[in-house]
Amino acid sequence: MTLGDWTPDTLGTGRVLPVVSAPEPVLSRVGAEVDPADPDVVRLAADLIATMRVSPGCVGLAAPQVGVSAQVFCVDVTGHPKAGTVHGVFALCNAKIVEASRWRPGREGCMSVPDLTGDVKRAGRVVVEAALPGTGEPVRLVTDAFEARALQHEIDHCAGLLFLDRVVGPHAIYQRKVYL
């Protein structure tokens, strides 16, 4: 199945939550698999989307970033200049990458590492299998370009990894530029 008729509206209205920063321990723990139909998981997915929407430049947010050690995240790369395939706003539970190809480096940043960016080699095309929050319906998502990078970044968060764990070396970490 694909995302089909699923919309974030099926989750209800979420709350904006505070985002934790490294070295907060929850960011380095493997998140627990979740029951996508559990009302608490559905609320968490809605909260992640609400928090992402009010955060300038944010294209994805994972449960560990709001202090919850769980395998839930949301993504929305709509309008991003590096996006190819775009599935709009979506949330996934227990996501796993089942295919990855076209590896290339790219610059990444993260709300939980607010002062740094880094060059990370990621797949330019991925196939992800997961479950939709609310229904628990299985989904197989095929994507590329920036959306593929965003998915890998958020799946890493759920696995207890930051982009800093994947940079090609210390020479590939930079102070974040602030544009006025």
N, C-alpha and C. Protein backbone atom coordinates (compact mmCIF):
# COMPACT_ATOMS: atom_id res chain seq x y z
N MET A 1 0.84 -1.18 0.00
CA MET A 1 0.00 0.00 0.00
C MET A 1 0.89 1.25 0.00
N THR A 2 0.38 2.32 -0.54
CA THR A 2 1.07 3.61 -0.49
C THR A 2 0.35 4.48 0.54
N LEU A 3 0.74 5.73 0.64
CA LEU A 3 0.08 6.62 1.60
C LEU A 3 -1.40 6.82 1.26
N GLY A 4 -1.73 6.69 -0.02
CA GLY A 4 -3.14 6.72 -0.44
C GLY A 4 -3.92 7.91 0.11
N ASP A 5 -5.04 7.61 0.74
CA ASP A 5 -5.94 8.65 1.25
C ASP A 5 -5.57 9.13 2.65
N TRP A 6 -4.49 8.57 3.22
CA TRP A 6 -4.11 8.97 4.58
C TRP A 6 -3.70 10.44 4.57
N THR A 7 -4.19 11.19 5.54
CA THR A 7 -3.78 12.59 5.71
C THR A 7 -3.47 12.82 7.18
N PRO A 8 -2.67 13.83 7.49
CA PRO A 8 -2.38 14.10 8.89
C PRO A 8 -3.64 14.49 9.67
N ASP A 9 -4.67 14.93 8.97
CA ASP A 9 -5.91 15.31 9.66
C ASP A 9 -6.55 14.13 10.37
N THR A 10 -6.25 12.89 9.92
CA THR A 10 -6.81 11.71 10.57
C THR A 10 -6.28 11.56 12.00
N LEU A 11 -5.21 12.27 12.32
CA LEU A 11 -4.60 12.17 13.65
C LEU A 11 -5.20 13.15 14.65
N GLY A 12 -5.90 14.17 14.17
CA GLY A 12 -6.41 15.20 15.07
C GLY A 12 -5.39 16.33 15.22
N THR A 13 -5.73 17.27 16.06
CA THR A 13 -4.87 18.43 16.29
C THR A 13 -3.82 18.10 17.34
N GLY A 14 -2.58 18.40 17.02
CA GLY A 14 -1.48 18.11 17.93
C GLY A 14 -1.05 19.33 18.72
N ARG A 15 -0.26 19.06 19.74
CA ARG A 15 0.33 20.11 20.57
C ARG A 15 1.76 20.37 20.11
N VAL A 16 2.22 21.58 20.27
CA VAL A 16 3.61 21.90 19.97
C VAL A 16 4.44 21.54 21.20
N LEU A 17 5.43 20.69 20.99
CA LEU A 17 6.27 20.20 22.08
C LEU A 17 7.67 20.81 22.01
N PRO A 18 8.35 20.90 23.15
CA PRO A 18 9.74 21.37 23.12
C PRO A 18 10.65 20.32 22.50
N VAL A 19 11.64 20.77 21.74
CA VAL A 19 12.60 19.89 21.10
C VAL A 19 13.86 19.82 21.96
N VAL A 20 14.32 18.60 22.23
CA VAL A 20 15.52 18.42 23.05
C VAL A 20 16.77 18.52 22.17
N SER A 21 17.88 18.88 22.79
CA SER A 21 19.15 19.03 22.07
C SER A 21 20.18 18.03 22.58
N ALA A 22 21.11 17.67 21.69
CA ALA A 22 22.24 16.83 22.07
C ALA A 22 23.03 17.56 23.15
N PRO A 23 23.49 16.89 24.17
CA PRO A 23 23.65 15.44 24.32
C PRO A 23 22.53 14.76 25.13
N GLU A 24 21.32 15.20 25.04
CA GLU A 24 20.20 14.58 25.77
C GLU A 24 20.23 13.06 25.53
N PRO A 25 20.24 12.23 26.59
CA PRO A 25 20.39 10.78 26.44
C PRO A 25 19.35 10.11 25.53
N VAL A 26 18.12 10.61 25.49
CA VAL A 26 17.08 9.99 24.66
C VAL A 26 17.47 9.98 23.18
N LEU A 27 18.32 10.91 22.77
CA LEU A 27 18.73 11.00 21.37
C LEU A 27 19.70 9.89 20.97
N SER A 28 20.29 9.22 21.94
CA SER A 28 21.24 8.15 21.62
C SER A 28 20.71 6.76 22.00
N ARG A 29 19.43 6.66 22.29
CA ARG A 29 18.81 5.36 22.59
C ARG A 29 17.98 4.88 21.41
N VAL A 30 18.00 3.58 21.18
CA VAL A 30 17.13 3.00 20.15
C VAL A 30 15.70 3.11 20.64
N GLY A 31 14.84 3.71 19.84
CA GLY A 31 13.44 3.88 20.22
C GLY A 31 12.69 2.55 20.21
N ALA A 32 11.70 2.45 21.06
CA ALA A 32 10.88 1.24 21.14
C ALA A 32 9.95 1.17 19.94
N GLU A 33 9.71 -0.04 19.43
CA GLU A 33 8.67 -0.22 18.42
C GLU A 33 7.34 0.09 19.09
N VAL A 34 6.40 0.59 18.32
CA VAL A 34 5.12 1.04 18.87
C VAL A 34 3.95 0.32 18.23
N ASP A 35 2.80 0.38 18.89
CA ASP A 35 1.54 -0.08 18.32
C ASP A 35 0.93 1.14 17.63
N PRO A 36 0.92 1.19 16.29
CA PRO A 36 0.44 2.37 15.59
C PRO A 36 -1.00 2.76 15.89
N ALA A 37 -1.80 1.81 16.38
CA ALA A 37 -3.21 2.10 16.69
C ALA A 37 -3.40 2.62 18.11
N ASP A 38 -2.37 2.56 18.93
CA ASP A 38 -2.45 3.04 20.31
C ASP A 38 -2.77 4.54 20.30
N PRO A 39 -3.79 4.98 21.04
CA PRO A 39 -4.15 6.41 21.05
C PRO A 39 -2.99 7.32 21.45
N ASP A 40 -2.09 6.85 22.33
CA ASP A 40 -0.94 7.67 22.71
C ASP A 40 0.02 7.86 21.53
N VAL A 41 0.17 6.84 20.70
CA VAL A 41 1.03 6.93 19.52
C VAL A 41 0.40 7.86 18.49
N VAL A 42 -0.91 7.78 18.33
CA VAL A 42 -1.62 8.66 17.40
C VAL A 42 -1.46 10.12 17.84
N ARG A 43 -1.60 10.36 19.15
CA ARG A 43 -1.42 11.71 19.69
C ARG A 43 0.01 12.19 19.48
N LEU A 44 0.98 11.30 19.71
CA LEU A 44 2.39 11.65 19.51
C LEU A 44 2.65 12.04 18.06
N ALA A 45 2.11 11.28 17.11
CA ALA A 45 2.29 11.61 15.69
C ALA A 45 1.71 12.98 15.37
N ALA A 46 0.53 13.26 15.92
CA ALA A 46 -0.08 14.58 15.71
C ALA A 46 0.77 15.69 16.33
N ASP A 47 1.33 15.43 17.50
CA ASP A 47 2.19 16.41 18.16
C ASP A 47 3.46 16.67 17.35
N LEU A 48 4.02 15.61 16.77
CA LEU A 48 5.23 15.78 15.95
C LEU A 48 4.94 16.65 14.73
N ILE A 49 3.81 16.41 14.08
CA ILE A 49 3.45 17.22 12.91
C ILE A 49 3.21 18.67 13.31
N ALA A 50 2.51 18.90 14.43
CA ALA A 50 2.25 20.26 14.89
C ALA A 50 3.56 20.98 15.20
N THR A 51 4.49 20.29 15.84
CA THR A 51 5.78 20.88 16.20
C THR A 51 6.60 21.17 14.95
N MET A 52 6.60 20.23 14.00
CA MET A 52 7.33 20.44 12.74
C MET A 52 6.79 21.66 12.00
N ARG A 53 5.47 21.79 11.96
CA ARG A 53 4.85 22.88 11.19
C ARG A 53 5.19 24.27 11.72
N VAL A 54 5.45 24.41 13.01
CA VAL A 54 5.75 25.73 13.56
C VAL A 54 7.26 26.00 13.64
N SER A 55 8.06 25.05 13.17
CA SER A 55 9.52 25.17 13.26
C SER A 55 10.08 25.54 11.89
N PRO A 56 10.53 26.77 11.71
CA PRO A 56 11.02 27.23 10.41
C PRO A 56 12.13 26.32 9.86
N GLY A 57 11.99 25.94 8.60
CA GLY A 57 13.00 25.14 7.94
C GLY A 57 12.97 23.66 8.29
N CYS A 58 12.11 23.24 9.18
CA CYS A 58 12.05 21.85 9.61
C CYS A 58 11.31 21.02 8.56
N VAL A 59 11.93 19.90 8.13
CA VAL A 59 11.30 19.01 7.15
C VAL A 59 11.03 17.63 7.73
N GLY A 60 11.33 17.44 8.99
CA GLY A 60 11.08 16.16 9.64
C GLY A 60 11.36 16.25 11.12
N LEU A 61 10.67 15.40 11.89
CA LEU A 61 10.85 15.40 13.33
C LEU A 61 10.53 14.00 13.86
N ALA A 62 11.39 13.48 14.71
CA ALA A 62 11.22 12.14 15.27
C ALA A 62 10.92 12.21 16.77
N ALA A 63 10.23 11.18 17.25
CA ALA A 63 9.83 11.13 18.66
C ALA A 63 10.99 11.38 19.63
N PRO A 64 12.18 10.78 19.43
CA PRO A 64 13.27 11.07 20.38
C PRO A 64 13.61 12.56 20.50
N GLN A 65 13.33 13.33 19.44
CA GLN A 65 13.63 14.76 19.47
C GLN A 65 12.70 15.54 20.39
N VAL A 66 11.58 14.93 20.77
CA VAL A 66 10.69 15.57 21.75
C VAL A 66 10.71 14.79 23.06
N GLY A 67 11.78 14.00 23.24
CA GLY A 67 12.00 13.31 24.51
C GLY A 67 11.31 11.97 24.66
N VAL A 68 10.78 11.40 23.58
CA VAL A 68 10.07 10.12 23.65
C VAL A 68 10.85 9.07 22.87
N SER A 69 11.28 8.02 23.56
CA SER A 69 12.07 6.97 22.93
C SER A 69 11.14 5.99 22.23
N ALA A 70 10.71 6.36 21.02
CA ALA A 70 9.76 5.56 20.25
C ALA A 70 10.06 5.72 18.77
N GLN A 71 9.67 4.72 17.98
CA GLN A 71 9.91 4.73 16.54
C GLN A 71 8.71 5.34 15.80
N VAL A 72 8.60 6.66 15.93
CA VAL A 72 7.55 7.44 15.27
C VAL A 72 8.21 8.72 14.76
N PHE A 73 7.87 9.12 13.53
CA PHE A 73 8.39 10.38 13.02
C PHE A 73 7.46 10.92 11.95
N CYS A 74 7.69 12.18 11.59
CA CYS A 74 6.93 12.81 10.50
C CYS A 74 7.91 13.46 9.55
N VAL A 75 7.46 13.66 8.31
CA VAL A 75 8.28 14.29 7.27
C VAL A 75 7.36 15.13 6.38
N ASP A 76 7.89 16.25 5.89
CA ASP A 76 7.22 17.04 4.85
C ASP A 76 8.26 17.88 4.13
N VAL A 77 8.60 17.48 2.91
CA VAL A 77 9.59 18.22 2.12
C VAL A 77 8.93 19.08 1.04
N THR A 78 7.63 19.28 1.15
CA THR A 78 6.88 20.07 0.17
C THR A 78 7.53 21.44 -0.02
N GLY A 79 7.80 21.79 -1.27
CA GLY A 79 8.36 23.10 -1.58
C GLY A 79 9.86 23.20 -1.42
N HIS A 80 10.53 22.17 -0.94
CA HIS A 80 11.98 22.25 -0.77
C HIS A 80 12.65 22.19 -2.14
N PRO A 81 13.62 23.07 -2.40
CA PRO A 81 14.24 23.13 -3.73
C PRO A 81 14.99 21.86 -4.14
N LYS A 82 15.41 21.03 -3.18
CA LYS A 82 16.15 19.81 -3.52
C LYS A 82 15.23 18.59 -3.58
N ALA A 83 13.93 18.80 -3.42
CA ALA A 83 12.99 17.67 -3.44
C ALA A 83 12.76 17.19 -4.85
N GLY A 84 12.65 15.88 -5.01
CA GLY A 84 12.25 15.25 -6.26
C GLY A 84 10.83 14.73 -6.03
N THR A 85 10.75 13.50 -5.60
CA THR A 85 9.47 12.93 -5.21
C THR A 85 9.01 13.58 -3.90
N VAL A 86 7.73 13.93 -3.82
CA VAL A 86 7.17 14.55 -2.62
C VAL A 86 5.85 13.87 -2.29
N HIS A 87 5.76 13.33 -1.09
CA HIS A 87 4.53 12.67 -0.64
C HIS A 87 3.70 13.56 0.28
N GLY A 88 4.10 14.81 0.46
CA GLY A 88 3.37 15.72 1.35
C GLY A 88 3.70 15.44 2.81
N VAL A 89 2.80 15.82 3.69
CA VAL A 89 2.99 15.61 5.13
C VAL A 89 2.57 14.18 5.46
N PHE A 90 3.46 13.46 6.16
CA PHE A 90 3.08 12.11 6.60
C PHE A 90 3.83 11.75 7.87
N ALA A 91 3.27 10.80 8.60
CA ALA A 91 3.90 10.25 9.80
C ALA A 91 3.97 8.75 9.62
N LEU A 92 5.04 8.14 10.14
CA LEU A 92 5.23 6.70 10.04
C LEU A 92 5.65 6.13 11.39
N CYS A 93 5.32 4.86 11.59
CA CYS A 93 5.71 4.12 12.79
C CYS A 93 6.54 2.91 12.38
N ASN A 94 7.55 2.59 13.19
CA ASN A 94 8.35 1.38 13.02
C ASN A 94 8.92 1.24 11.61
N ALA A 95 9.43 2.32 11.06
CA ALA A 95 9.92 2.35 9.68
C ALA A 95 11.25 1.63 9.55
N LYS A 96 11.38 0.90 8.44
CA LYS A 96 12.63 0.20 8.11
C LYS A 96 12.97 0.47 6.65
N ILE A 97 14.23 0.70 6.37
CA ILE A 97 14.69 0.84 4.99
C ILE A 97 14.91 -0.57 4.45
N VAL A 98 14.25 -0.90 3.35
CA VAL A 98 14.38 -2.24 2.77
C VAL A 98 15.19 -2.23 1.47
N GLU A 99 15.34 -1.06 0.86
CA GLU A 99 16.21 -0.90 -0.31
C GLU A 99 16.82 0.48 -0.27
N ALA A 100 18.09 0.57 -0.67
CA ALA A 100 18.77 1.86 -0.71
C ALA A 100 19.79 1.83 -1.85
N SER A 101 19.82 2.91 -2.64
CA SER A 101 20.76 2.99 -3.76
C SER A 101 21.07 4.45 -4.09
N ARG A 102 21.99 4.64 -5.02
CA ARG A 102 22.40 5.97 -5.49
C ARG A 102 22.99 6.83 -4.36
N TRP A 103 23.98 6.32 -3.69
CA TRP A 103 24.58 7.00 -2.55
C TRP A 103 25.32 8.26 -2.97
N ARG A 104 25.12 9.34 -2.19
CA ARG A 104 25.83 10.59 -2.46
C ARG A 104 25.88 11.44 -1.18
N PRO A 105 26.90 12.27 -1.06
CA PRO A 105 26.99 13.14 0.11
C PRO A 105 26.06 14.35 -0.01
N GLY A 106 25.69 14.89 1.12
CA GLY A 106 24.87 16.10 1.15
C GLY A 106 24.94 16.73 2.54
N ARG A 107 24.67 18.01 2.60
CA ARG A 107 24.73 18.75 3.87
C ARG A 107 23.44 18.54 4.64
N GLU A 108 23.56 18.30 5.95
CA GLU A 108 22.40 18.11 6.81
C GLU A 108 22.53 18.97 8.06
N GLY A 109 21.37 19.33 8.58
CA GLY A 109 21.27 19.99 9.87
C GLY A 109 20.18 19.29 10.66
N CYS A 110 19.99 19.74 11.89
CA CYS A 110 19.03 19.07 12.76
C CYS A 110 18.60 20.01 13.88
N MET A 111 17.31 19.99 14.20
CA MET A 111 16.83 20.83 15.30
C MET A 111 17.46 20.45 16.63
N SER A 112 17.87 19.19 16.78
CA SER A 112 18.48 18.74 18.04
C SER A 112 19.98 19.00 18.09
N VAL A 113 20.54 19.50 17.00
CA VAL A 113 21.94 19.92 16.95
C VAL A 113 21.92 21.30 16.30
N PRO A 114 21.42 22.30 17.03
CA PRO A 114 21.09 23.59 16.40
C PRO A 114 22.26 24.41 15.87
N ASP A 115 23.47 24.16 16.33
CA ASP A 115 24.59 25.01 15.94
C ASP A 115 25.49 24.44 14.86
N LEU A 116 25.21 23.19 14.41
CA LEU A 116 26.11 22.54 13.48
C LEU A 116 25.37 21.98 12.26
N THR A 117 26.10 21.82 11.17
CA THR A 117 25.65 21.06 10.01
C THR A 117 26.79 20.12 9.65
N GLY A 118 26.52 19.18 8.76
CA GLY A 118 27.58 18.25 8.38
C GLY A 118 27.28 17.56 7.07
N ASP A 119 28.34 17.06 6.44
CA ASP A 119 28.20 16.32 5.18
C ASP A 119 28.02 14.84 5.50
N VAL A 120 26.90 14.29 5.02
CA VAL A 120 26.54 12.90 5.29
C VAL A 120 26.26 12.21 3.97
N LYS A 121 26.83 11.01 3.79
CA LYS A 121 26.56 10.22 2.59
C LYS A 121 25.30 9.39 2.85
N ARG A 122 24.29 9.59 2.00
CA ARG A 122 23.02 8.88 2.13
C ARG A 122 22.57 8.39 0.77
N ALA A 123 21.63 7.45 0.80
CA ALA A 123 21.05 6.93 -0.43
C ALA A 123 20.16 7.98 -1.07
N GLY A 124 20.26 8.12 -2.38
CA GLY A 124 19.42 9.06 -3.12
C GLY A 124 18.08 8.45 -3.52
N ARG A 125 17.93 7.15 -3.30
CA ARG A 125 16.67 6.45 -3.54
C ARG A 125 16.50 5.41 -2.44
N VAL A 126 15.34 5.38 -1.80
CA VAL A 126 15.07 4.38 -0.77
C VAL A 126 13.66 3.82 -0.91
N VAL A 127 13.50 2.62 -0.40
CA VAL A 127 12.20 2.00 -0.23
C VAL A 127 12.07 1.75 1.27
N VAL A 128 11.00 2.28 1.85
CA VAL A 128 10.78 2.18 3.29
C VAL A 128 9.47 1.44 3.54
N GLU A 129 9.50 0.52 4.49
CA GLU A 129 8.28 -0.15 4.93
C GLU A 129 8.00 0.29 6.35
N ALA A 130 6.73 0.60 6.63
CA ALA A 130 6.35 1.13 7.93
C ALA A 130 4.86 0.88 8.15
N ALA A 131 4.34 1.46 9.22
CA ALA A 131 2.91 1.40 9.51
C ALA A 131 2.40 2.82 9.70
N LEU A 132 1.16 3.06 9.30
CA LEU A 132 0.55 4.38 9.46
C LEU A 132 -0.03 4.52 10.87
N PRO A 133 0.25 5.65 11.52
CA PRO A 133 -0.36 5.86 12.83
C PRO A 133 -1.88 5.99 12.70
N GLY A 134 -2.57 5.43 13.64
CA GLY A 134 -4.03 5.48 13.61
C GLY A 134 -4.61 4.17 13.12
N THR A 135 -4.32 3.83 11.87
CA THR A 135 -4.88 2.60 11.28
C THR A 135 -3.96 1.40 11.47
N GLY A 136 -2.66 1.65 11.56
CA GLY A 136 -1.70 0.56 11.63
C GLY A 136 -1.47 -0.11 10.29
N GLU A 137 -2.10 0.45 9.25
CA GLU A 137 -1.99 -0.13 7.92
C GLU A 137 -0.54 -0.12 7.45
N PRO A 138 -0.05 -1.23 6.89
CA PRO A 138 1.32 -1.23 6.38
C PRO A 138 1.43 -0.36 5.14
N VAL A 139 2.58 0.27 5.00
CA VAL A 139 2.82 1.14 3.85
C VAL A 139 4.22 0.86 3.33
N ARG A 140 4.36 0.94 2.02
CA ARG A 140 5.67 0.81 1.36
C ARG A 140 5.87 2.10 0.58
N LEU A 141 6.85 2.88 0.96
CA LEU A 141 7.09 4.19 0.39
C LEU A 141 8.36 4.15 -0.46
N VAL A 142 8.25 4.52 -1.71
CA VAL A 142 9.40 4.60 -2.61
C VAL A 142 9.63 6.08 -2.88
N THR A 143 10.85 6.54 -2.62
CA THR A 143 11.12 7.97 -2.81
C THR A 143 12.59 8.19 -3.16
N ASP A 144 12.89 9.45 -3.46
CA ASP A 144 14.24 9.78 -3.89
C ASP A 144 14.62 11.18 -3.41
N ALA A 145 15.81 11.58 -3.82
CA ALA A 145 16.32 12.94 -3.61
C ALA A 145 16.20 13.37 -2.14
N PHE A 146 15.71 14.57 -1.91
CA PHE A 146 15.70 15.14 -0.57
C PHE A 146 14.75 14.41 0.38
N GLU A 147 13.62 13.91 -0.15
CA GLU A 147 12.70 13.17 0.72
C GLU A 147 13.36 11.87 1.20
N ALA A 148 14.15 11.22 0.36
CA ALA A 148 14.89 10.01 0.77
C ALA A 148 15.87 10.36 1.89
N ARG A 149 16.56 11.48 1.74
CA ARG A 149 17.51 11.92 2.78
C ARG A 149 16.78 12.19 4.09
N ALA A 150 15.65 12.89 4.01
CA ALA A 150 14.89 13.21 5.22
C ALA A 150 14.40 11.94 5.93
N LEU A 151 13.92 10.97 5.16
CA LEU A 151 13.48 9.70 5.77
C LEU A 151 14.62 9.00 6.48
N GLN A 152 15.78 8.94 5.84
CA GLN A 152 16.93 8.29 6.47
C GLN A 152 17.35 9.01 7.74
N HIS A 153 17.31 10.32 7.72
CA HIS A 153 17.66 11.13 8.89
C HIS A 153 16.72 10.81 10.06
N GLU A 154 15.41 10.76 9.79
CA GLU A 154 14.43 10.50 10.86
C GLU A 154 14.48 9.05 11.34
N ILE A 155 14.69 8.11 10.42
CA ILE A 155 14.84 6.71 10.83
C ILE A 155 16.07 6.57 11.72
N ASP A 156 17.14 7.29 11.40
CA ASP A 156 18.33 7.29 12.26
C ASP A 156 17.98 7.78 13.67
N HIS A 157 17.20 8.86 13.77
CA HIS A 157 16.80 9.34 15.11
C HIS A 157 16.13 8.23 15.90
N CYS A 158 15.25 7.48 15.24
CA CYS A 158 14.53 6.39 15.93
C CYS A 158 15.47 5.26 16.32
N ALA A 159 16.64 5.18 15.69
CA ALA A 159 17.65 4.17 15.99
C ALA A 159 18.72 4.70 16.95
N GLY A 160 18.52 5.91 17.47
CA GLY A 160 19.47 6.47 18.42
C GLY A 160 20.69 7.11 17.78
N LEU A 161 20.58 7.51 16.52
CA LEU A 161 21.71 8.12 15.81
C LEU A 161 21.39 9.55 15.40
N LEU A 162 22.40 10.41 15.48
CA LEU A 162 22.32 11.77 14.97
C LEU A 162 23.11 11.84 13.67
N PHE A 163 22.88 12.88 12.87
CA PHE A 163 23.66 13.02 11.64
C PHE A 163 25.15 13.10 11.94
N LEU A 164 25.52 13.58 13.13
CA LEU A 164 26.93 13.67 13.52
C LEU A 164 27.57 12.28 13.60
N ASP A 165 26.76 11.24 13.86
CA ASP A 165 27.27 9.88 13.89
C ASP A 165 27.57 9.36 12.49
N ARG A 166 27.10 10.06 11.46
CA ARG A 166 27.24 9.59 10.08
C ARG A 166 28.11 10.51 9.21
N VAL A 167 28.60 11.62 9.75
CA VAL A 167 29.43 12.51 8.92
C VAL A 167 30.67 11.76 8.45
N VAL A 168 31.20 12.18 7.32
CA VAL A 168 32.34 11.49 6.72
C VAL A 168 33.64 11.68 7.49
N GLY A 169 33.67 12.58 8.44
CA GLY A 169 34.85 12.83 9.25
C GLY A 169 34.74 14.18 9.93
N PRO A 170 35.63 14.46 10.89
CA PRO A 170 35.55 15.73 11.61
C PRO A 170 35.71 16.95 10.71
N HIS A 171 36.36 16.78 9.56
CA HIS A 171 36.53 17.87 8.61
C HIS A 171 35.21 18.23 7.92
N ALA A 172 34.18 17.40 8.10
CA ALA A 172 32.90 17.60 7.41
C ALA A 172 31.81 18.12 8.35
N ILE A 173 32.21 18.73 9.47
CA ILE A 173 31.26 19.34 10.41
C ILE A 173 31.49 20.85 10.38
N TYR A 174 30.40 21.62 10.31
CA TYR A 174 30.49 23.06 10.13
C TYR A 174 29.59 23.79 11.12
N GLN A 175 29.99 25.02 11.47
CA GLN A 175 29.11 25.89 12.23
C GLN A 175 27.94 26.27 11.33
N ARG A 176 26.73 26.22 11.89
CA ARG A 176 25.54 26.58 11.10
C ARG A 176 25.61 28.07 10.76
N LYS A 177 25.31 28.39 9.51
CA LYS A 177 25.27 29.77 9.09
C LYS A 177 23.93 30.36 9.47
N VAL A 178 23.96 31.59 9.92
CA VAL A 178 22.72 32.30 10.26
C VAL A 178 22.52 33.39 9.23
N TYR A 179 21.37 33.33 8.55
CA TYR A 179 21.07 34.32 7.53
C TYR A 179 20.09 35.34 8.10
N LEU A 180 20.41 36.60 7.96
CA LEU A 180 19.55 37.65 8.49
C LEU A 180 18.62 38.17 7.42
